[in-house]
Amino acid sequence: MLRAIRIRKRWRQSDVAARARVSRWVVLRIEHGRLASVPIGKLRAVAASLDARVDTVVRWQGGDLPRLLSARHSRMHEVMARFFGDLPDWTAEPEVSFSIYGERGIIDILAWHPSRRILLVIELKTEIVDVNELLGTLDRKRRLGADVARSRGWQPLAIATWVIVADGRSNSRAIANHVAVLRAKLPTAGRAMRAWLRNPAGPVNALSFMPSVQGTHLGPTRGPIRRIDKARSPRPTHDS
């Protein structure tokens, strides 16, 4: 499939390799279906260089995994609904869909502070698979957020973003492995977000964990209170 796109664009394998910042041999292996030795990140990079996208599907116990992840995602929404219920100055709408200039998607939570005219785009992640895709998706939603807000009669002066990740070992490892990139893009931690939400002044870009336990049950706290530490640790430390 990627070979067909390359040929349609009249590109050489070396052209694709240069755009994807990989070796030509990686492009060759992908085009010949020898994917076992190709890291998923390089496969996605090659696809992106061709304006294509690679979606990976993890199957577990006869296809029950999507329902499990959906249940966890719904539970995160419930926790956040209670969290914003304690913040009367904010209006929070879940699952806001958009279709703008051919770009379609869903913003997990779109929150609005009318007196400060600040828009907050929230991304809930049950599982981190690709950090680059996460940041790219967040940038797109932030860019389109103003148009989505204006369709609701909101006129934002500033747009903030907040990524909230379900706690767990795999997510902790993924964040620890990319902590420099994530903190450069999302420098504000969960504890600081609580204070900012009560007195928002200008935009912030935040990243934090939502405490969770096994299965679909997330912790009894009313909101995400754990920060992402700079230390490369599989289990980030709780704020005191």
C-alpha atoms as a PDB file:
ATOM      1  CA  MET A   1       0.000   0.000   0.000  1.00  0.00           C
ATOM      2  CA  LEU A   2       2.737   2.505   0.915  1.00  0.00           C
ATOM      3  CA  ARG A   3       4.642   1.523  -2.214  1.00  0.00           C
ATOM      4  CA  ALA A   4       1.569   2.334  -4.316  1.00  0.00           C
ATOM      5  CA  ILE A   5       1.307   5.756  -2.694  1.00  0.00           C
ATOM      6  CA  ARG A   6       4.994   6.406  -3.298  1.00  0.00           C
ATOM      7  CA  ILE A   7       4.682   5.487  -6.955  1.00  0.00           C
ATOM      8  CA  ARG A   8       1.568   7.643  -7.287  1.00  0.00           C
ATOM      9  CA  LYS A   9       3.572  10.588  -5.952  1.00  0.00           C
ATOM     10  CA  ARG A  10       6.428   9.698  -8.326  1.00  0.00           C
ATOM     11  CA  TRP A  11       8.897   9.562  -5.474  1.00  0.00           C
ATOM     12  CA  ARG A  12      11.934   7.360  -5.132  1.00  0.00           C
ATOM     13  CA  GLN A  13      12.555   5.257  -2.041  1.00  0.00           C
ATOM     14  CA  SER A  14      15.374   7.645  -1.172  1.00  0.00           C
ATOM     15  CA  ASP A  15      12.914  10.567  -1.311  1.00  0.00           C
ATOM     16  CA  VAL A  16      10.635   8.852   1.197  1.00  0.00           C
ATOM     17  CA  ALA A  17      13.590   7.926   3.400  1.00  0.00           C
ATOM     18  CA  ALA A  18      14.812  11.527   3.489  1.00  0.00           C
ATOM     19  CA  ARG A  19      11.387  12.886   4.391  1.00  0.00           C
ATOM     20  CA  ALA A  20      10.839  10.220   7.069  1.00  0.00           C
ATOM     21  CA  ARG A  21      14.424  10.526   8.366  1.00  0.00           C
ATOM     22  CA  VAL A  22      15.049   6.808   8.075  1.00  0.00           C
ATOM     23  CA  SER A  23      17.388   4.752   5.914  1.00  0.00           C
ATOM     24  CA  ARG A  24      16.346   3.619   2.438  1.00  0.00           C
ATOM     25  CA  TRP A  25      16.642   0.020   3.655  1.00  0.00           C
ATOM     26  CA  VAL A  26      13.806   0.679   6.129  1.00  0.00           C
ATOM     27  CA  VAL A  27      11.598   1.863   3.272  1.00  0.00           C
ATOM     28  CA  LEU A  28      12.608  -1.196   1.238  1.00  0.00           C
ATOM     29  CA  ARG A  29      11.736  -3.620   4.054  1.00  0.00           C
ATOM     30  CA  ILE A  30       8.361  -1.943   4.586  1.00  0.00           C
ATOM     31  CA  GLU A  31       7.482  -2.104   0.908  1.00  0.00           C
ATOM     32  CA  HIS A  32       8.375  -5.803   0.786  1.00  0.00           C
ATOM     33  CA  GLY A  33       6.313  -6.590   3.873  1.00  0.00           C
ATOM     34  CA  ARG A  34       9.277  -7.430   6.099  1.00  0.00           C
ATOM     35  CA  LEU A  35       7.875  -5.565   9.084  1.00  0.00           C
ATOM     36  CA  ALA A  36       9.135  -7.755  11.917  1.00  0.00           C
ATOM     37  CA  SER A  37      12.435  -5.874  12.016  1.00  0.00           C
ATOM     38  CA  VAL A  38      10.938  -2.391  11.542  1.00  0.00           C
ATOM     39  CA  PRO A  39      10.151  -0.394  14.718  1.00  0.00           C
ATOM     40  CA  ILE A  40       6.581   0.897  14.781  1.00  0.00           C
ATOM     41  CA  GLY A  41       7.845   4.467  15.100  1.00  0.00           C
ATOM     42  CA  LYS A  42       9.757   4.213  11.819  1.00  0.00           C
ATOM     43  CA  LEU A  43       6.777   2.600  10.097  1.00  0.00           C
ATOM     44  CA  ARG A  44       4.574   5.497  11.204  1.00  0.00           C
ATOM     45  CA  ALA A  45       7.216   8.011  10.098  1.00  0.00           C
ATOM     46  CA  VAL A  46       7.365   6.514   6.609  1.00  0.00           C
ATOM     47  CA  ALA A  47       3.580   6.521   6.376  1.00  0.00           C
ATOM     48  CA  ALA A  48       3.392  10.132   7.574  1.00  0.00           C
ATOM     49  CA  SER A  49       5.941  11.218   4.971  1.00  0.00           C
ATOM     50  CA  LEU A  50       3.494   9.918   2.352  1.00  0.00           C
ATOM     51  CA  ASP A  51       0.517  11.681   3.999  1.00  0.00           C
ATOM     52  CA  ALA A  52      -0.729   8.286   5.141  1.00  0.00           C
ATOM     53  CA  ARG A  53      -1.428   6.820   8.559  1.00  0.00           C
ATOM     54  CA  VAL A  54      -0.791   3.436  10.142  1.00  0.00           C
ATOM     55  CA  ASP A  55      -3.323   2.262  12.725  1.00  0.00           C
ATOM     56  CA  THR A  56      -2.397  -0.607  15.033  1.00  0.00           C
ATOM     57  CA  VAL A  57      -4.995  -2.851  16.652  1.00  0.00           C
ATOM     58  CA  VAL A  58      -4.320  -4.869  19.799  1.00  0.00           C
ATOM     59  CA  ARG A  59      -6.643  -7.849  20.247  1.00  0.00           C
ATOM     60  CA  TRP A  60      -7.244  -9.603  23.536  1.00  0.00           C
ATOM     61  CA  GLN A  61      -9.580 -12.473  24.460  1.00  0.00           C
ATOM     62  CA  GLY A  62     -11.670 -12.510  21.357  1.00  0.00           C
ATOM     63  CA  GLY A  63     -11.876  -8.771  20.796  1.00  0.00           C
ATOM     64  CA  ASP A  64     -12.927  -7.649  24.279  1.00  0.00           C
ATOM     65  CA  LEU A  65     -10.077  -5.128  24.586  1.00  0.00           C
ATOM     66  CA  PRO A  66     -11.895  -2.250  22.822  1.00  0.00           C
ATOM     67  CA  ARG A  67     -14.813  -2.607  25.238  1.00  0.00           C
ATOM     68  CA  LEU A  68     -12.407  -2.662  28.181  1.00  0.00           C
ATOM     69  CA  LEU A  69     -10.651   0.514  27.006  1.00  0.00           C
ATOM     70  CA  SER A  70     -13.988   2.165  26.284  1.00  0.00           C
ATOM     71  CA  ALA A  71     -15.166   1.380  29.816  1.00  0.00           C
ATOM     72  CA  ARG A  72     -11.992   2.859  31.296  1.00  0.00           C
ATOM     73  CA  HIS A  73     -12.360   5.937  29.108  1.00  0.00           C
ATOM     74  CA  SER A  74     -15.965   6.376  30.231  1.00  0.00           C
ATOM     75  CA  ARG A  75     -14.876   6.049  33.843  1.00  0.00           C
ATOM     76  CA  MET A  76     -12.294   8.799  33.316  1.00  0.00           C
ATOM     77  CA  HIS A  77     -15.082  10.988  31.969  1.00  0.00           C
ATOM     78  CA  GLU A  78     -17.112  10.327  35.114  1.00  0.00           C
ATOM     79  CA  VAL A  79     -14.206  11.329  37.347  1.00  0.00           C
ATOM     80  CA  MET A  80     -13.680  14.525  35.376  1.00  0.00           C
ATOM     81  CA  ALA A  81     -17.383  15.368  35.448  1.00  0.00           C
ATOM     82  CA  ARG A  82     -17.289  15.223  39.255  1.00  0.00           C
ATOM     83  CA  PHE A  83     -14.066  17.214  39.255  1.00  0.00           C
ATOM     84  CA  PHE A  84     -15.555  20.059  37.198  1.00  0.00           C
ATOM     85  CA  GLY A  85     -18.730  19.848  39.273  1.00  0.00           C
ATOM     86  CA  ASP A  86     -16.663  21.389  42.088  1.00  0.00           C
ATOM     87  CA  LEU A  87     -15.572  24.243  39.808  1.00  0.00           C
ATOM     88  CA  PRO A  88     -18.712  26.352  39.272  1.00  0.00           C
ATOM     89  CA  ASP A  89     -16.860  28.973  37.219  1.00  0.00           C
ATOM     90  CA  TRP A  90     -16.241  26.431  34.483  1.00  0.00           C
ATOM     91  CA  THR A  91     -18.524  24.865  31.887  1.00  0.00           C
ATOM     92  CA  ALA A  92     -17.291  21.464  30.697  1.00  0.00           C
ATOM     93  CA  GLU A  93     -18.711  19.535  27.743  1.00  0.00           C
ATOM     94  CA  PRO A  94     -17.674  15.902  27.097  1.00  0.00           C
ATOM     95  CA  GLU A  95     -17.148  14.241  23.712  1.00  0.00           C
ATOM     96  CA  VAL A  96     -17.346  17.350  21.526  1.00  0.00           C
ATOM     97  CA  SER A  97     -17.230  16.331  17.865  1.00  0.00           C
ATOM     98  CA  PHE A  98     -16.054  18.643  15.108  1.00  0.00           C
ATOM     99  CA  SER A  99     -15.772  18.741  11.326  1.00  0.00           C
ATOM    100  CA  ILE A 100     -13.877  21.809  10.148  1.00  0.00           C
ATOM    101  CA  TYR A 101     -12.439  22.195   6.659  1.00  0.00           C
ATOM    102  CA  GLY A 102     -12.446  18.430   6.230  1.00  0.00           C
ATOM    103  CA  GLU A 103     -10.748  17.774   9.575  1.00  0.00           C
ATOM    104  CA  ARG A 104     -12.850  15.574  11.833  1.00  0.00           C
ATOM    105  CA  GLY A 105     -12.432  14.369  15.368  1.00  0.00           C
ATOM    106  CA  ILE A 106     -13.665  14.413  18.946  1.00  0.00           C
ATOM    107  CA  ILE A 107     -12.378  16.556  21.805  1.00  0.00           C
ATOM    108  CA  ASP A 108     -12.701  14.479  24.975  1.00  0.00           C
ATOM    109  CA  ILE A 109     -13.605  17.475  27.147  1.00  0.00           C
ATOM    110  CA  LEU A 110     -13.989  21.104  26.102  1.00  0.00           C
ATOM    111  CA  ALA A 111     -14.058  23.422  29.116  1.00  0.00           C
ATOM    112  CA  TRP A 112     -14.876  27.142  29.108  1.00  0.00           C
ATOM    113  CA  HIS A 113     -14.268  29.876  31.679  1.00  0.00           C
ATOM    114  CA  PRO A 114     -16.608  32.711  30.610  1.00  0.00           C
ATOM    115  CA  SER A 115     -15.318  35.545  32.791  1.00  0.00           C
ATOM    116  CA  ARG A 116     -11.674  34.958  31.777  1.00  0.00           C
ATOM    117  CA  ARG A 117     -12.619  33.786  28.276  1.00  0.00           C
ATOM    118  CA  ILE A 118     -10.229  30.861  28.486  1.00  0.00           C
ATOM    119  CA  LEU A 119     -10.820  27.636  26.589  1.00  0.00           C
ATOM    120  CA  LEU A 120      -9.369  24.376  27.919  1.00  0.00           C
ATOM    121  CA  VAL A 121      -8.944  21.383  25.580  1.00  0.00           C
ATOM    122  CA  ILE A 122      -8.643  18.148  27.553  1.00  0.00           C
ATOM    123  CA  GLU A 123      -7.377  14.856  26.138  1.00  0.00           C
ATOM    124  CA  LEU A 124      -8.049  11.686  28.187  1.00  0.00           C
ATOM    125  CA  LYS A 125      -5.713   8.771  27.495  1.00  0.00           C
ATOM    126  CA  THR A 126      -6.341   5.274  28.821  1.00  0.00           C
ATOM    127  CA  GLU A 127      -3.221   4.046  27.050  1.00  0.00           C
ATOM    128  CA  ILE A 128      -0.259   5.793  25.427  1.00  0.00           C
ATOM    129  CA  VAL A 129       0.792   4.051  22.233  1.00  0.00           C
ATOM    130  CA  ASP A 130       2.553   6.759  20.217  1.00  0.00           C
ATOM    131  CA  VAL A 131       3.745   9.955  21.920  1.00  0.00           C
ATOM    132  CA  ASN A 132       4.302  11.787  18.626  1.00  0.00           C
ATOM    133  CA  GLU A 133       0.774  10.993  17.501  1.00  0.00           C
ATOM    134  CA  LEU A 134      -0.576  12.116  20.886  1.00  0.00           C
ATOM    135  CA  LEU A 135       1.141  15.491  20.618  1.00  0.00           C
ATOM    136  CA  GLY A 136       0.173  15.908  16.978  1.00  0.00           C
ATOM    137  CA  THR A 137      -3.470  15.159  17.733  1.00  0.00           C
ATOM    138  CA  LEU A 138      -3.430  17.560  20.666  1.00  0.00           C
ATOM    139  CA  ASP A 139      -1.963  20.331  18.498  1.00  0.00           C
ATOM    140  CA  ARG A 140      -4.681  19.783  15.906  1.00  0.00           C
ATOM    141  CA  LYS A 141      -7.457  19.941  18.493  1.00  0.00           C
ATOM    142  CA  ARG A 142      -5.930  23.037  20.046  1.00  0.00           C
ATOM    143  CA  ARG A 143      -5.696  24.704  16.625  1.00  0.00           C
ATOM    144  CA  LEU A 144      -9.321  23.923  15.830  1.00  0.00           C
ATOM    145  CA  GLY A 145     -10.541  24.569  19.373  1.00  0.00           C
ATOM    146  CA  ALA A 146     -11.250  28.251  18.778  1.00  0.00           C
ATOM    147  CA  ASP A 147     -13.568  27.456  15.852  1.00  0.00           C
ATOM    148  CA  VAL A 148     -15.335  24.792  17.899  1.00  0.00           C
ATOM    149  CA  ALA A 149     -15.758  27.283  20.751  1.00  0.00           C
ATOM    150  CA  ARG A 150     -17.132  30.036  18.489  1.00  0.00           C
ATOM    151  CA  SER A 151     -19.755  27.606  17.189  1.00  0.00           C
ATOM    152  CA  ARG A 152     -21.011  27.539  20.799  1.00  0.00           C
ATOM    153  CA  GLY A 153     -20.965  31.305  21.147  1.00  0.00           C
ATOM    154  CA  TRP A 154     -17.699  31.335  23.078  1.00  0.00           C
ATOM    155  CA  GLN A 155     -15.016  33.858  22.093  1.00  0.00           C
ATOM    156  CA  PRO A 156     -11.750  32.664  23.687  1.00  0.00           C
ATOM    157  CA  LEU A 157      -8.852  34.980  24.390  1.00  0.00           C
ATOM    158  CA  ALA A 158      -6.564  32.064  25.276  1.00  0.00           C
ATOM    159  CA  ILE A 159      -6.542  28.312  24.688  1.00  0.00           C
ATOM    160  CA  ALA A 160      -5.036  25.865  27.195  1.00  0.00           C
ATOM    161  CA  THR A 161      -4.446  22.119  26.858  1.00  0.00           C
ATOM    162  CA  TRP A 162      -4.401  19.314  29.402  1.00  0.00           C
ATOM    163  CA  VAL A 163      -3.492  15.681  28.805  1.00  0.00           C
ATOM    164  CA  ILE A 164      -4.688  13.331  31.554  1.00  0.00           C
ATOM    165  CA  VAL A 165      -3.294   9.800  31.471  1.00  0.00           C
ATOM    166  CA  ALA A 166      -4.692   6.781  33.305  1.00  0.00           C
ATOM    167  CA  ASP A 167      -2.112   5.569  35.789  1.00  0.00           C
ATOM    168  CA  GLY A 168      -0.463   2.241  35.089  1.00  0.00           C
ATOM    169  CA  ARG A 169       2.928   0.668  34.533  1.00  0.00           C
ATOM    170  CA  SER A 170       2.866   0.749  30.725  1.00  0.00           C
ATOM    171  CA  ASN A 171       1.783   4.404  30.643  1.00  0.00           C
ATOM    172  CA  SER A 172       4.383   5.277  33.280  1.00  0.00           C
ATOM    173  CA  ARG A 173       7.091   3.652  31.189  1.00  0.00           C
ATOM    174  CA  ALA A 174       5.923   5.382  28.007  1.00  0.00           C
ATOM    175  CA  ILE A 175       6.017   8.774  29.691  1.00  0.00           C
ATOM    176  CA  ALA A 176       9.351   8.105  31.417  1.00  0.00           C
ATOM    177  CA  ASN A 177      10.865   7.193  28.049  1.00  0.00           C
ATOM    178  CA  HIS A 178       9.702  10.487  26.499  1.00  0.00           C
ATOM    179  CA  VAL A 179       9.625  12.747  29.539  1.00  0.00           C
ATOM    180  CA  ALA A 180      11.876  15.450  28.037  1.00  0.00           C
ATOM    181  CA  VAL A 181       9.700  15.853  24.944  1.00  0.00           C
ATOM    182  CA  LEU A 182       6.458  15.714  26.910  1.00  0.00           C
ATOM    183  CA  ARG A 183       7.588  18.181  29.532  1.00  0.00           C
ATOM    184  CA  ALA A 184       8.833  20.590  26.857  1.00  0.00           C
ATOM    185  CA  LYS A 185       5.401  20.511  25.248  1.00  0.00           C
ATOM    186  CA  LEU A 186       3.317  20.105  28.421  1.00  0.00           C
ATOM    187  CA  PRO A 187       5.312  21.684  31.276  1.00  0.00           C
ATOM    188  CA  THR A 188       2.534  22.204  33.833  1.00  0.00           C
ATOM    189  CA  ALA A 189       1.838  19.372  36.321  1.00  0.00           C
ATOM    190  CA  GLY A 190      -1.455  18.161  37.769  1.00  0.00           C
ATOM    191  CA  ARG A 191      -1.083  19.839  41.154  1.00  0.00           C
ATOM    192  CA  ALA A 192      -0.465  23.217  39.524  1.00  0.00           C
ATOM    193  CA  MET A 193      -3.556  22.696  37.365  1.00  0.00           C
ATOM    194  CA  ARG A 194      -5.804  22.628  40.420  1.00  0.00           C
ATOM    195  CA  ALA A 195      -4.635  26.122  41.378  1.00  0.00           C
ATOM    196  CA  TRP A 196      -4.812  27.365  37.790  1.00  0.00           C
ATOM    197  CA  LEU A 197      -8.372  26.119  37.341  1.00  0.00           C
ATOM    198  CA  ARG A 198      -9.487  28.091  40.376  1.00  0.00           C
ATOM    199  CA  ASN A 199      -7.774  31.234  39.113  1.00  0.00           C
ATOM    200  CA  PRO A 200      -6.927  30.849  35.415  1.00  0.00           C
ATOM    201  CA  ALA A 201      -4.574  33.504  34.083  1.00  0.00           C
ATOM    202  CA  GLY A 202      -3.476  32.934  30.518  1.00  0.00           C
ATOM    203  CA  PRO A 203      -2.934  29.618  28.755  1.00  0.00           C
ATOM    204  CA  VAL A 204      -1.171  26.576  30.194  1.00  0.00           C
ATOM    205  CA  ASN A 205      -0.208  23.211  28.734  1.00  0.00           C
ATOM    206  CA  ALA A 206      -0.395  20.419  31.280  1.00  0.00           C
ATOM    207  CA  LEU A 207       0.218  16.700  31.710  1.00  0.00           C
ATOM    208  CA  SER A 208      -0.772  14.573  34.694  1.00  0.00           C
ATOM    209  CA  PHE A 209      -1.788  11.093  35.806  1.00  0.00           C
ATOM    210  CA  MET A 210      -5.240  10.111  36.964  1.00  0.00           C
ATOM    211  CA  PRO A 211      -4.828   7.519  39.745  1.00  0.00           C
ATOM    212  CA  SER A 212      -6.218   4.154  38.746  1.00  0.00           C
ATOM    213  CA  VAL A 213      -6.375   0.544  39.823  1.00  0.00           C
ATOM    214  CA  GLN A 214      -6.824  -2.720  37.979  1.00  0.00           C
ATOM    215  CA  GLY A 215      -9.498  -2.943  35.319  1.00  0.00           C
ATOM    216  CA  THR A 216     -11.921  -0.111  34.725  1.00  0.00           C
ATOM    217  CA  HIS A 217     -11.879   1.280  38.245  1.00  0.00           C
ATOM    218  CA  LEU A 218     -10.106   4.563  38.717  1.00  0.00           C
ATOM    219  CA  GLY A 219      -9.118   5.847  42.113  1.00  0.00           C
ATOM    220  CA  PRO A 220     -11.557   7.456  44.539  1.00  0.00           C
ATOM    221  CA  THR A 221     -10.062  10.938  44.123  1.00  0.00           C
ATOM    222  CA  ARG A 222     -12.238  13.578  42.509  1.00  0.00           C
ATOM    223  CA  GLY A 223      -9.644  14.569  39.966  1.00  0.00           C
ATOM    224  CA  PRO A 224      -6.152  13.964  38.633  1.00  0.00           C
ATOM    225  CA  ILE A 225      -3.708  14.982  41.332  1.00  0.00           C
ATOM    226  CA  ARG A 226      -0.511  13.213  40.349  1.00  0.00           C
ATOM    227  CA  ARG A 227       2.201  14.945  38.436  1.00  0.00           C
ATOM    228  CA  ILE A 228       4.614  13.594  35.860  1.00  0.00           C
ATOM    229  CA  ASP A 229       8.088  13.795  37.390  1.00  0.00           C
ATOM    230  CA  LYS A 230      11.194  14.503  35.377  1.00  0.00           C
ATOM    231  CA  ALA A 231      12.923  11.473  36.881  1.00  0.00           C
ATOM    232  CA  ARG A 232      12.977   8.411  34.650  1.00  0.00           C
ATOM    233  CA  SER A 233      10.960   6.229  36.959  1.00  0.00           C
ATOM    234  CA  PRO A 234       8.232   3.695  36.080  1.00  0.00           C
ATOM    235  CA  ARG A 235       6.185   4.881  39.040  1.00  0.00           C
ATOM    236  CA  PRO A 236       6.089   8.701  39.363  1.00  0.00           C
ATOM    237  CA  THR A 237       5.994  10.051  42.920  1.00  0.00           C
ATOM    238  CA  HIS A 238       2.775  11.369  44.443  1.00  0.00           C
ATOM    239  CA  ASP A 239       2.593  15.074  45.185  1.00  0.00           C
ATOM    240  CA  SER A 240       2.569  15.779  48.882  1.00  0.00           C
END
